[in-house]
Amino acid sequence: MRIRRTLAAAVGLAAVGALTLTACASESEPETADTAASEAPAAEGATDEFPITITHAYGETVIESEPQRVATWGWGSTEAALAVGVAPVGVAEQVWTVGPQTLLPWVEEGYTELGAETPAIFTDAESGASVPYEEFVEADPDLILAPYSGITQEQYDVLSDIAPVVAYPETPWTTPWDDIVSISAQALGRSAAGEQVLADIDTYFADLAAEHPEFEGKTYATIVDSPTEGLVYVYTPADPRVSILEGLGIVSAPSVEELDTSDGGFYYTLSYEELDKLEADFLLAYIYTPEEAEAFDTKAELQAIPAVAAGNIVKVVEPVAVSSVSPPTALSYDWTDGVPAIVDQLAALYGED
């Protein structure tokens, strides 16, 4: 469960009154087209004046009036909408994390807190590479939020025939976590609520940093090991999973940028033969199974990384925990097995400094 909630504060700031909604659909009941077509929760509480214009990588999107049926695509915008009091009527499935046609646990909590119906869950078997246009049509949205996604120009154009689309500001999959919140809130006419959500998150990280001054200035590199490929994926400071942790006082190691071959992307790869170049005070590793986590410390190839050889390793283990911080969202940044677990491990490493 999450340590602290932001929904109540955000909804209160946006002056969202009590919503008269039908009861949540049973978790055991499969999603149907009838459910997708059901009336969305009333999107009361917008504080901004419409029309609203959002500039993004594919031009400008004009939102003429307050959206009543919001759909999301990609990552983070579902949570951002829920955090400011809007329950999307359609969201992408998270196959890798929790399986097909299933919601992430913090998203489930968000719908429950708003008393909203379970949304239509869009098929996303290819991690955003293909878009299920027919399912979007069935959901009948009047706005599609995709500020952290990989939609192409063609996909944007087709989706725009269904409803106005808010794409990413510059490049795919690199929108900063806080921009995901602010863009989504602005598009929904709830900028003030979005600012409150971000203020709550800033306070959360500031409090953690104040509790742990020993973290200040420590450098780190963030990786995923891929033994089948004989390499590791290294995440750059452009990736939200890296940038948000700097609120703890830690910083991305200079070696991460020196070795970067991504040309502005959010990750690059290093072969096992190059791992000795990845110098940092500690290594943050995203690991998918407990078995892999147990073997990680002593894996021969990874011993070339100075931080691994020194035993300075911080791990985030299993898909839900990994998803809570990669990248973090308005509802997952304080998920117990994510950032709090990272803080506990860092305190164990540096608490005696």
Protein backbone atom coordinates (compact mmCIF):
# COMPACT_ATOMS: atom_id res chain seq x y z
CA MET A 1 0.00 0.00 0.00
CA ARG A 2 1.05 3.60 -0.42
CA ILE A 3 2.41 5.61 2.50
CA ARG A 4 0.39 8.70 1.84
CA ARG A 5 -2.46 9.75 -0.40
CA THR A 6 -2.71 12.81 -2.65
CA LEU A 7 -6.19 12.29 -4.04
CA ALA A 8 -8.10 13.88 -1.19
CA ALA A 9 -6.01 17.04 -1.21
CA ALA A 10 -6.11 17.41 -4.97
CA VAL A 11 -9.82 16.81 -5.22
CA GLY A 12 -10.44 19.24 -2.39
CA LEU A 13 -8.36 21.95 -4.03
CA ALA A 14 -10.23 21.50 -7.29
CA ALA A 15 -13.49 21.89 -5.37
CA VAL A 16 -14.80 18.56 -6.52
CA GLY A 17 -18.06 17.87 -4.78
CA ALA A 18 -19.39 14.49 -3.85
CA LEU A 19 -19.83 12.49 -7.03
CA THR A 20 -23.05 10.57 -7.52
CA LEU A 21 -21.74 7.47 -9.22
CA THR A 22 -22.76 3.91 -9.72
CA ALA A 23 -20.95 1.31 -7.66
CA CYS A 24 -17.56 0.07 -8.82
CA ALA A 25 -17.64 -2.91 -11.09
CA SER A 26 -16.64 -6.14 -9.43
CA GLU A 27 -12.95 -6.96 -9.96
CA SER A 28 -14.00 -10.46 -10.94
CA GLU A 29 -16.19 -9.23 -13.76
CA PRO A 30 -14.56 -8.92 -17.20
CA GLU A 31 -14.60 -5.58 -18.96
CA THR A 32 -17.25 -5.32 -21.66
CA ALA A 33 -18.12 -2.89 -24.40
CA ASP A 34 -21.24 -1.95 -22.42
CA THR A 35 -19.07 -0.95 -19.46
CA ALA A 36 -16.79 1.08 -21.72
CA ALA A 37 -19.76 2.92 -23.16
CA SER A 38 -21.27 3.69 -19.77
CA GLU A 39 -21.40 7.27 -18.64
CA ALA A 40 -18.14 8.57 -17.17
CA PRO A 41 -17.98 10.11 -13.70
CA ALA A 42 -18.89 13.78 -13.81
CA ALA A 43 -15.70 15.78 -14.38
CA GLU A 44 -16.63 18.53 -11.96
CA GLY A 45 -14.14 20.89 -10.44
CA ALA A 46 -12.20 22.45 -13.34
CA THR A 47 -10.77 25.80 -12.29
CA ASP A 48 -9.22 26.93 -15.59
CA GLU A 49 -10.96 28.76 -18.39
CA PHE A 50 -11.64 26.94 -21.65
CA PRO A 51 -10.72 26.70 -24.47
CA ILE A 52 -7.25 25.46 -23.50
CA THR A 53 -4.43 25.04 -26.00
CA ILE A 54 -1.64 22.51 -25.41
CA THR A 55 1.50 22.68 -27.54
CA HIS A 56 3.30 19.38 -28.16
CA ALA A 57 5.58 17.55 -30.60
CA TYR A 58 2.87 17.33 -33.28
CA GLY A 59 1.57 20.87 -33.05
CA GLU A 60 -1.23 22.30 -30.95
CA THR A 61 -4.33 20.71 -29.48
CA VAL A 62 -7.28 22.91 -28.60
CA ILE A 63 -9.61 21.61 -25.90
CA GLU A 64 -12.80 23.60 -26.38
CA SER A 65 -14.61 22.69 -23.16
CA GLU A 66 -14.11 20.71 -19.99
CA PRO A 67 -13.57 17.04 -20.92
CA GLN A 68 -16.19 14.61 -19.67
CA ARG A 69 -14.82 11.33 -21.08
CA VAL A 70 -11.05 11.16 -20.87
CA ALA A 71 -8.94 8.32 -22.26
CA THR A 72 -5.24 7.84 -21.58
CA TRP A 73 -2.42 6.14 -23.43
CA GLY A 74 1.15 5.46 -22.41
CA TRP A 75 2.26 5.95 -18.83
CA GLY A 76 1.49 8.30 -15.96
CA SER A 77 -1.40 10.30 -17.37
CA THR A 78 -3.96 7.89 -15.88
CA GLU A 79 -2.53 8.52 -12.43
CA ALA A 80 -2.23 12.25 -13.06
CA ALA A 81 -5.90 12.45 -14.03
CA LEU A 82 -6.99 10.42 -11.01
CA ALA A 83 -4.85 12.54 -8.71
CA VAL A 84 -6.70 15.69 -9.78
CA GLY A 85 -10.10 14.06 -9.48
CA VAL A 86 -10.85 12.79 -13.00
CA ALA A 87 -11.42 9.07 -13.63
CA PRO A 88 -10.53 8.16 -17.24
CA VAL A 89 -13.07 6.02 -19.09
CA GLY A 90 -10.32 4.10 -20.92
CA VAL A 91 -6.72 3.28 -20.05
CA ALA A 92 -3.94 1.09 -21.45
CA GLU A 93 -3.44 -2.36 -19.98
CA GLN A 94 -0.17 -3.08 -18.18
CA VAL A 95 0.66 -6.55 -19.43
CA TRP A 96 4.23 -6.74 -18.18
CA THR A 97 3.43 -5.55 -14.67
CA VAL A 98 0.10 -7.10 -13.74
CA GLY A 99 -1.10 -9.01 -16.79
CA PRO A 100 -3.59 -8.30 -19.57
CA GLN A 101 -6.84 -6.45 -18.87
CA THR A 102 -5.71 -5.55 -15.35
CA LEU A 103 -5.07 -2.26 -13.59
CA LEU A 104 -2.02 -1.34 -11.58
CA PRO A 105 -2.75 -1.50 -7.84
CA TRP A 106 -2.39 2.23 -7.23
CA VAL A 107 -4.67 2.90 -10.18
CA GLU A 108 -7.26 0.52 -8.70
CA GLU A 109 -7.01 2.48 -5.46
CA GLY A 110 -7.47 5.72 -7.35
CA TYR A 111 -10.72 4.57 -8.95
CA THR A 112 -11.95 3.26 -5.62
CA GLU A 113 -11.20 6.56 -3.87
CA LEU A 114 -13.13 8.48 -6.51
CA GLY A 115 -16.01 6.00 -6.42
CA ALA A 116 -15.62 5.57 -10.15
CA GLU A 117 -16.45 2.66 -12.43
CA THR A 118 -13.73 0.40 -13.76
CA PRO A 119 -12.55 1.85 -17.10
CA ALA A 120 -12.33 0.16 -20.45
CA ILE A 121 -8.84 -1.36 -20.63
CA PHE A 122 -7.19 -0.88 -24.01
CA THR A 123 -5.16 -3.74 -25.47
CA ASP A 124 -1.45 -2.91 -25.39
CA ALA A 125 0.45 -6.11 -26.07
CA GLU A 126 3.32 -4.26 -27.79
CA SER A 127 4.09 -1.60 -25.18
CA GLY A 128 2.61 1.21 -27.23
CA ALA A 129 4.00 0.18 -30.60
CA SER A 130 0.50 -0.39 -31.92
CA VAL A 131 -2.70 1.42 -30.96
CA PRO A 132 -6.12 -0.31 -30.71
CA TYR A 133 -8.07 2.38 -32.53
CA GLU A 134 -11.36 0.47 -32.48
CA GLU A 135 -11.22 0.23 -28.71
CA PHE A 136 -10.72 3.97 -28.46
CA VAL A 137 -13.74 4.47 -30.69
CA GLU A 138 -15.84 2.21 -28.44
CA ALA A 139 -14.75 4.15 -25.33
CA ASP A 140 -16.00 7.35 -27.01
CA PRO A 141 -13.54 9.79 -25.38
CA ASP A 142 -13.66 13.55 -25.80
CA LEU A 143 -9.95 13.86 -24.91
CA ILE A 144 -6.98 11.50 -25.21
CA LEU A 145 -4.03 12.14 -22.90
CA ALA A 146 -0.68 10.71 -24.09
CA PRO A 147 2.01 13.08 -22.77
CA TYR A 148 4.35 10.19 -21.90
CA SER A 149 4.04 7.75 -24.76
CA GLY A 150 5.60 6.74 -28.04
CA ILE A 151 2.79 7.61 -30.45
CA THR A 152 3.94 8.31 -33.98
CA GLN A 153 2.70 11.03 -36.27
CA GLU A 154 0.45 8.51 -38.02
CA GLN A 155 -0.97 7.26 -34.72
CA TYR A 156 -1.51 10.80 -33.54
CA ASP A 157 -3.37 11.66 -36.74
CA VAL A 158 -5.67 8.63 -36.50
CA LEU A 159 -6.37 9.18 -32.81
CA SER A 160 -7.09 12.85 -33.51
CA ASP A 161 -9.97 11.75 -35.73
CA ILE A 162 -11.48 10.15 -32.60
CA ALA A 163 -10.84 12.97 -30.11
CA PRO A 164 -8.33 15.76 -29.40
CA VAL A 165 -4.97 14.25 -28.46
CA VAL A 166 -2.32 15.67 -26.12
CA ALA A 167 1.01 14.16 -27.16
CA TYR A 168 4.47 14.46 -25.57
CA PRO A 169 6.20 17.86 -25.62
CA GLU A 170 9.33 16.87 -27.57
CA THR A 171 10.47 13.25 -27.86
CA PRO A 172 8.84 9.86 -27.12
CA TRP A 173 9.09 8.40 -23.61
CA THR A 174 11.15 11.25 -22.12
CA THR A 175 8.59 13.64 -20.63
CA PRO A 176 9.66 14.50 -17.07
CA TRP A 177 7.40 13.01 -14.40
CA ASP A 178 6.32 16.42 -13.12
CA ASP A 179 5.49 17.61 -16.63
CA ILE A 180 3.23 14.58 -17.07
CA VAL A 181 1.25 15.78 -14.08
CA SER A 182 1.16 19.44 -15.07
CA ILE A 183 0.31 18.77 -18.74
CA SER A 184 -2.47 16.36 -17.81
CA ALA A 185 -3.88 18.73 -15.19
CA GLN A 186 -3.77 21.67 -17.61
CA ALA A 187 -5.57 19.70 -20.31
CA LEU A 188 -8.29 18.85 -17.79
CA GLY A 189 -8.66 22.45 -16.69
CA ARG A 190 -7.29 21.62 -13.24
CA SER A 191 -3.92 23.35 -13.16
CA ALA A 192 -4.30 24.36 -9.52
CA ALA A 193 -5.00 20.78 -8.49
CA GLY A 194 -1.98 19.63 -10.48
CA GLU A 195 0.21 22.18 -8.73
CA GLN A 196 -0.99 20.87 -5.37
CA VAL A 197 -0.17 17.29 -6.34
CA LEU A 198 3.34 18.35 -7.35
CA ALA A 199 3.75 20.38 -4.16
CA ASP A 200 2.81 17.29 -2.12
CA ILE A 201 5.38 15.21 -3.98
CA ASP A 202 8.07 17.88 -3.56
CA THR A 203 7.34 17.97 0.17
CA TYR A 204 7.55 14.19 0.38
CA PHE A 205 11.02 14.13 -1.19
CA ALA A 206 12.21 17.19 0.72
CA ASP A 207 11.22 15.52 3.99
CA LEU A 208 13.10 12.36 3.02
CA ALA A 209 16.18 14.38 2.05
CA ALA A 210 16.04 16.26 5.36
CA GLU A 211 15.84 12.98 7.25
CA HIS A 212 18.86 11.63 5.36
CA PRO A 213 21.52 14.32 4.87
CA GLU A 214 24.02 11.51 4.33
CA PHE A 215 22.54 11.02 0.83
CA GLU A 216 23.60 14.48 -0.35
CA GLY A 217 25.91 14.35 -3.36
CA LYS A 218 26.07 10.57 -3.65
CA THR A 219 26.32 9.52 -7.29
CA TYR A 220 24.49 6.62 -8.85
CA ALA A 221 23.85 4.74 -12.07
CA THR A 222 20.57 3.02 -12.86
CA ILE A 223 20.56 -0.22 -14.84
CA VAL A 224 18.68 -3.31 -15.92
CA ASP A 225 20.78 -6.39 -16.57
CA SER A 226 20.00 -8.34 -19.74
CA PRO A 227 21.98 -11.59 -19.62
CA THR A 228 20.42 -12.99 -22.78
CA GLU A 229 21.90 -10.04 -24.67
CA GLY A 230 25.15 -9.89 -22.76
CA LEU A 231 24.66 -6.26 -21.81
CA VAL A 232 23.02 -3.85 -19.40
CA TYR A 233 20.58 -1.05 -20.07
CA VAL A 234 21.69 2.23 -18.51
CA TYR A 235 19.08 4.95 -17.93
CA THR A 236 20.01 8.55 -18.65
CA PRO A 237 19.06 11.67 -16.68
CA ALA A 238 16.39 12.28 -19.36
CA ASP A 239 14.44 9.35 -17.89
CA PRO A 240 11.95 10.22 -15.12
CA ARG A 241 13.00 7.21 -13.04
CA VAL A 242 16.42 8.86 -12.75
CA SER A 243 15.43 12.50 -12.38
CA ILE A 244 12.86 12.06 -9.62
CA LEU A 245 15.37 10.43 -7.26
CA GLU A 246 17.52 13.54 -7.33
CA GLY A 247 14.98 14.96 -4.91
CA LEU A 248 16.72 12.77 -2.32
CA GLY A 249 19.95 14.72 -2.79
CA ILE A 250 21.64 12.04 -4.90
CA VAL A 251 22.86 12.78 -8.43
CA SER A 252 23.39 10.87 -11.63
CA ALA A 253 27.03 9.83 -11.90
CA PRO A 254 29.15 11.75 -14.46
CA SER A 255 30.08 8.42 -16.06
CA VAL A 256 26.42 7.89 -17.05
CA GLU A 257 26.53 10.94 -19.30
CA GLU A 258 30.10 10.34 -20.48
CA LEU A 259 29.17 6.89 -21.77
CA ASP A 260 25.80 7.94 -23.21
CA THR A 261 25.28 6.92 -26.83
CA SER A 262 21.52 7.50 -26.87
CA ASP A 263 21.55 10.91 -28.64
CA GLY A 264 19.09 12.40 -26.19
CA GLY A 265 17.21 9.18 -25.43
CA PHE A 266 16.23 7.77 -22.07
CA TYR A 267 18.59 4.76 -22.11
CA TYR A 268 21.58 3.24 -23.81
CA THR A 269 23.36 -0.12 -23.56
CA LEU A 270 26.77 -1.23 -22.36
CA SER A 271 28.27 -4.60 -23.12
CA TYR A 272 29.62 -6.62 -20.21
CA GLU A 273 33.12 -5.80 -21.48
CA GLU A 274 32.50 -2.08 -20.87
CA LEU A 275 31.02 -2.24 -17.39
CA ASP A 276 34.23 -1.20 -15.63
CA LYS A 277 33.66 2.30 -17.05
CA LEU A 278 30.37 2.74 -15.19
CA GLU A 279 31.70 4.43 -12.08
CA ALA A 280 29.30 5.62 -9.36
CA ASP A 281 29.02 5.63 -5.58
CA PHE A 282 26.21 3.12 -5.81
CA LEU A 283 24.30 1.15 -8.41
CA LEU A 284 20.49 1.17 -8.58
CA ALA A 285 19.28 -2.01 -10.25
CA TYR A 286 15.79 -2.86 -11.43
CA ILE A 287 15.36 -6.62 -11.13
CA TYR A 288 12.34 -8.67 -12.13
CA THR A 289 12.47 -11.75 -9.90
CA PRO A 290 13.67 -12.54 -6.36
CA GLU A 291 15.91 -15.26 -7.81
CA GLU A 292 17.67 -12.76 -10.06
CA ALA A 293 18.00 -10.36 -7.14
CA GLU A 294 19.66 -13.00 -5.00
CA ALA A 295 22.18 -13.85 -7.74
CA PHE A 296 22.85 -10.23 -8.73
CA ASP A 297 25.51 -9.39 -6.11
CA THR A 298 27.82 -12.23 -7.07
CA LYS A 299 27.24 -12.45 -10.82
CA ALA A 300 30.71 -12.57 -12.33
CA GLU A 301 30.07 -10.22 -15.26
CA LEU A 302 28.59 -7.52 -13.03
CA GLN A 303 31.60 -7.50 -10.71
CA ALA A 304 33.27 -5.28 -13.30
CA ILE A 305 31.02 -2.43 -12.12
CA PRO A 306 32.97 -0.77 -9.29
CA ALA A 307 29.87 -0.22 -7.13
CA VAL A 308 28.88 -3.89 -7.44
CA ALA A 309 32.36 -5.05 -6.50
CA ALA A 310 32.18 -2.75 -3.46
CA GLY A 311 28.76 -4.07 -2.46
CA ASN A 312 27.10 -0.68 -2.94
CA ILE A 313 23.93 -1.96 -4.57
CA VAL A 314 20.33 -0.79 -4.22
CA LYS A 315 17.65 -3.01 -5.72
CA VAL A 316 14.04 -2.61 -6.77
CA VAL A 317 12.62 -6.09 -7.20
CA GLU A 318 9.57 -7.55 -8.99
CA PRO A 319 7.39 -5.94 -11.65
CA VAL A 320 4.96 -3.91 -9.50
CA ALA A 321 7.75 -2.39 -7.43
CA VAL A 322 9.80 -1.67 -10.54
CA SER A 323 6.79 -0.08 -12.22
CA SER A 324 6.16 2.19 -9.23
CA VAL A 325 9.42 4.02 -9.93
CA SER A 326 10.09 3.42 -13.60
CA PRO A 327 8.92 5.96 -14.11
CA PRO A 328 7.13 7.23 -11.00
CA THR A 329 3.65 8.68 -11.25
CA ALA A 330 1.37 10.95 -9.25
CA LEU A 331 0.03 7.90 -7.40
CA SER A 332 3.05 5.56 -7.23
CA TYR A 333 5.95 7.75 -6.12
CA ASP A 334 5.56 6.64 -2.49
CA TRP A 335 4.58 3.01 -3.10
CA THR A 336 6.12 1.01 -0.25
CA ASP A 337 8.31 -1.27 -2.35
CA GLY A 338 9.53 1.57 -4.59
CA VAL A 339 11.03 4.82 -3.31
CA PRO A 340 10.65 3.94 0.40
CA ALA A 341 12.54 0.68 -0.20
CA ILE A 342 15.26 2.60 -2.06
CA VAL A 343 15.55 5.01 0.87
CA ASP A 344 15.82 2.16 3.38
CA GLN A 345 18.61 0.51 1.38
CA LEU A 346 20.48 3.80 0.97
CA ALA A 347 20.21 4.42 4.70
CA ALA A 348 21.73 0.99 5.31
CA LEU A 349 24.63 1.85 2.97
CA TYR A 350 25.34 5.38 4.14
CA GLY A 351 23.62 5.76 7.49
CA GLU A 352 26.91 5.60 9.39
CA ASP A 353 28.59 8.34 7.33
